[in-house]
Amino acid sequence: MKEFLSGKGVNYKEINVAADERARDEMIRKTGRMAVPTVTMGSQVVVGFNRNELEKMLS
């Protein structure tokens, strides 16, 4: 995921949900599950490395 986003010139903030309980709770609230990677941009959320969905999100 990091390589993909960097390759697209996207600035991102990496959060370790295993170490950050508040971030983990927010991720579960937004997605309904504990799954990484999870990418959020505004109200859009992509769980897992789904290249097609990520491309749509970035367009």
N, C-alpha and C. Protein backbone atom coordinates (compact mmCIF):
# COMPACT_ATOMS: atom_id res chain seq x y z
N MET A 1 0.81 -1.18 0.00
CA MET A 1 0.00 0.00 0.00
C MET A 1 0.86 1.25 0.00
N LYS A 2 1.88 1.27 0.86
CA LYS A 2 2.75 2.45 0.92
C LYS A 2 3.44 2.68 -0.41
N GLU A 3 3.91 1.63 -1.02
CA GLU A 3 4.58 1.74 -2.32
C GLU A 3 3.61 2.26 -3.38
N PHE A 4 2.39 1.75 -3.39
CA PHE A 4 1.37 2.18 -4.35
C PHE A 4 1.08 3.67 -4.18
N LEU A 5 0.79 4.09 -2.95
CA LEU A 5 0.45 5.49 -2.71
C LEU A 5 1.63 6.41 -3.01
N SER A 6 2.82 6.03 -2.60
CA SER A 6 3.99 6.84 -2.90
C SER A 6 4.22 6.95 -4.40
N GLY A 7 4.02 5.85 -5.11
CA GLY A 7 4.17 5.84 -6.56
C GLY A 7 3.19 6.76 -7.25
N LYS A 8 2.05 7.00 -6.62
CA LYS A 8 1.03 7.91 -7.17
C LYS A 8 1.25 9.34 -6.70
N GLY A 9 2.28 9.55 -5.87
CA GLY A 9 2.54 10.89 -5.36
C GLY A 9 1.57 11.33 -4.28
N VAL A 10 0.96 10.37 -3.60
CA VAL A 10 -0.03 10.67 -2.58
C VAL A 10 0.65 10.76 -1.21
N ASN A 11 0.41 11.86 -0.53
CA ASN A 11 0.86 11.99 0.85
C ASN A 11 -0.13 11.23 1.73
N TYR A 12 0.38 10.51 2.68
CA TYR A 12 -0.49 9.73 3.55
C TYR A 12 0.04 9.71 4.96
N LYS A 13 -0.83 9.36 5.88
CA LYS A 13 -0.44 9.23 7.28
C LYS A 13 -0.65 7.78 7.66
N GLU A 14 0.41 7.13 8.08
CA GLU A 14 0.34 5.73 8.50
C GLU A 14 0.03 5.68 9.99
N ILE A 15 -0.98 4.89 10.35
CA ILE A 15 -1.36 4.73 11.74
C ILE A 15 -1.33 3.25 12.09
N ASN A 16 -0.65 2.92 13.15
CA ASN A 16 -0.54 1.54 13.61
C ASN A 16 -1.73 1.25 14.52
N VAL A 17 -2.77 0.62 13.98
CA VAL A 17 -3.98 0.36 14.76
C VAL A 17 -3.77 -0.70 15.84
N ALA A 18 -2.69 -1.45 15.75
CA ALA A 18 -2.38 -2.41 16.81
C ALA A 18 -1.90 -1.67 18.06
N ALA A 19 -1.28 -0.51 17.87
CA ALA A 19 -0.74 0.25 18.99
C ALA A 19 -1.62 1.43 19.40
N ASP A 20 -2.54 1.85 18.54
CA ASP A 20 -3.37 3.03 18.79
C ASP A 20 -4.83 2.61 18.94
N GLU A 21 -5.27 2.48 20.18
CA GLU A 21 -6.62 1.98 20.46
C GLU A 21 -7.70 2.89 19.88
N ARG A 22 -7.51 4.19 19.97
CA ARG A 22 -8.50 5.14 19.44
C ARG A 22 -8.64 4.98 17.92
N ALA A 23 -7.51 4.86 17.23
CA ALA A 23 -7.53 4.67 15.78
C ALA A 23 -8.17 3.34 15.41
N ARG A 24 -7.87 2.30 16.19
CA ARG A 24 -8.46 0.99 15.94
C ARG A 24 -9.98 1.05 16.08
N ASP A 25 -10.46 1.70 17.14
CA ASP A 25 -11.90 1.83 17.34
C ASP A 25 -12.56 2.60 16.21
N GLU A 26 -11.88 3.65 15.73
CA GLU A 26 -12.42 4.43 14.61
C GLU A 26 -12.49 3.59 13.34
N MET A 27 -11.45 2.80 13.09
CA MET A 27 -11.43 1.94 11.91
C MET A 27 -12.57 0.93 11.97
N ILE A 28 -12.77 0.33 13.11
CA ILE A 28 -13.84 -0.65 13.26
C ILE A 28 -15.20 0.02 13.09
N ARG A 29 -15.35 1.23 13.62
CA ARG A 29 -16.61 1.96 13.46
C ARG A 29 -16.89 2.27 12.00
N LYS A 30 -15.85 2.67 11.25
CA LYS A 30 -16.02 3.04 9.84
C LYS A 30 -16.22 1.83 8.93
N THR A 31 -15.56 0.72 9.24
CA THR A 31 -15.58 -0.42 8.32
C THR A 31 -16.36 -1.62 8.82
N GLY A 32 -16.60 -1.66 10.13
CA GLY A 32 -17.29 -2.81 10.71
C GLY A 32 -16.37 -4.00 10.92
N ARG A 33 -15.08 -3.81 10.73
CA ARG A 33 -14.16 -4.93 10.91
C ARG A 33 -12.75 -4.44 11.22
N MET A 34 -11.94 -5.41 11.65
CA MET A 34 -10.54 -5.14 11.96
C MET A 34 -9.73 -5.70 10.80
N ALA A 35 -9.42 -4.85 9.84
CA ALA A 35 -8.70 -5.31 8.65
C ALA A 35 -7.74 -4.22 8.20
N VAL A 36 -6.55 -4.64 7.84
CA VAL A 36 -5.55 -3.71 7.33
C VAL A 36 -5.00 -4.25 6.03
N PRO A 37 -4.60 -3.42 5.12
CA PRO A 37 -4.65 -1.98 5.24
C PRO A 37 -6.08 -1.45 5.03
N THR A 38 -6.36 -0.36 5.68
CA THR A 38 -7.60 0.39 5.45
C THR A 38 -7.19 1.80 5.08
N VAL A 39 -7.72 2.28 3.97
CA VAL A 39 -7.40 3.63 3.49
C VAL A 39 -8.67 4.46 3.52
N THR A 40 -8.58 5.64 4.12
CA THR A 40 -9.72 6.55 4.13
C THR A 40 -9.30 7.86 3.48
N MET A 41 -10.23 8.43 2.74
CA MET A 41 -10.03 9.74 2.14
C MET A 41 -11.40 10.41 2.14
N GLY A 42 -11.55 11.40 3.01
CA GLY A 42 -12.87 12.00 3.18
C GLY A 42 -13.82 10.94 3.71
N SER A 43 -14.94 10.75 3.05
CA SER A 43 -15.91 9.74 3.47
C SER A 43 -15.70 8.40 2.77
N GLN A 44 -14.72 8.34 1.88
CA GLN A 44 -14.43 7.10 1.14
C GLN A 44 -13.52 6.19 1.94
N VAL A 45 -13.80 4.89 1.87
CA VAL A 45 -13.00 3.91 2.60
C VAL A 45 -12.73 2.73 1.68
N VAL A 46 -11.48 2.28 1.64
CA VAL A 46 -11.11 1.06 0.92
C VAL A 46 -10.40 0.15 1.92
N VAL A 47 -10.93 -1.07 2.05
CA VAL A 47 -10.33 -2.05 2.95
C VAL A 47 -9.57 -3.06 2.11
N GLY A 48 -8.32 -3.30 2.49
CA GLY A 48 -7.48 -4.21 1.73
C GLY A 48 -6.85 -3.50 0.54
N PHE A 49 -5.94 -4.19 -0.12
CA PHE A 49 -5.30 -3.60 -1.28
C PHE A 49 -6.12 -3.95 -2.52
N ASN A 50 -7.08 -3.08 -2.82
CA ASN A 50 -7.96 -3.24 -3.98
C ASN A 50 -7.57 -2.15 -4.98
N ARG A 51 -6.70 -2.49 -5.91
CA ARG A 51 -6.15 -1.50 -6.84
C ARG A 51 -7.25 -0.75 -7.58
N ASN A 52 -8.28 -1.42 -8.05
CA ASN A 52 -9.35 -0.75 -8.79
C ASN A 52 -10.06 0.28 -7.94
N GLU A 53 -10.39 -0.08 -6.71
CA GLU A 53 -11.08 0.86 -5.81
C GLU A 53 -10.17 2.02 -5.43
N LEU A 54 -8.90 1.74 -5.22
CA LEU A 54 -7.96 2.80 -4.89
C LEU A 54 -7.79 3.77 -6.06
N GLU A 55 -7.72 3.25 -7.27
CA GLU A 55 -7.62 4.11 -8.46
C GLU A 55 -8.85 5.01 -8.55
N LYS A 56 -10.04 4.46 -8.31
CA LYS A 56 -11.27 5.26 -8.33
C LYS A 56 -11.24 6.35 -7.27
N MET A 57 -10.76 5.97 -6.07
CA MET A 57 -10.70 6.93 -4.96
C MET A 57 -9.78 8.10 -5.32
N LEU A 58 -8.70 7.82 -6.00
CA LEU A 58 -7.71 8.85 -6.31
C LEU A 58 -8.02 9.67 -7.55
N SER A 59 -9.01 9.25 -8.32
CA SER A 59 -9.32 9.98 -9.55
C SER A 59 -10.22 11.17 -9.32
